[in-house]
Amino acid sequence: MNTMATDLLLIQKDDTWDQCNWIVPLAKALEGLTAEQAAWIPPSGGLSIWQLVNHMYYYNNRLLYRIQGTTPSQPAADDNVSTFGDSGDPLNTDGWNQVIQDTHSVSAELRAQIASLQQSDLEAPYMNTEEKLGHELARWVLHDAYHAGQIVLLRRQQGSWNIVF
């Protein structure tokens, strides 16, 4: 069997988005989450789930534009901290539902873009760096898996997590 790098990236993308294999994927970590739960901040401090999703969406959206070779529609964030935004409004169900919808949409678009890539695309420079696009994509998948784990931990702390495996 000749496995291409794009095949491996798609397996990783699927496993971190909605396939329950070795880790809890992001879509499952977010499933059934209310605006109130998403806006909750642990008593010891930290980030809300809403903020983590904002952060992932920001970077996923920018990555999508870069893979497509276009300029992101939103201006670049001042710094990494600003990508998290505020903790969210526990009463804003419509706002939370929109965040979830946008997250699902960008995930599907990213998957389609990755599926369309050729090996030569993965070897191409990422933006104006010496880094290769394939390397950047592999790191991005790990980034989303890391934050999905944080979301599961926050849900466990607030008592809103049911094991999905």
Foldseek 3Di string as FASTA:
>chain_A
DDDDLLNVLLVLLCCQDPDPDPAHHQVNLCPPDFQLQQLDADPVGDAGVQLLLQLLLVVLQCLLCQLVVHHRPDDDDPDSVPSSPHSGDRVCRVVVVVSVVSSVVSSVSVSVSSVPDDNVQQQDDRDPDNHGNSVVSVVSSVVSSVSSVVSQVSCVVVVNDDDDD
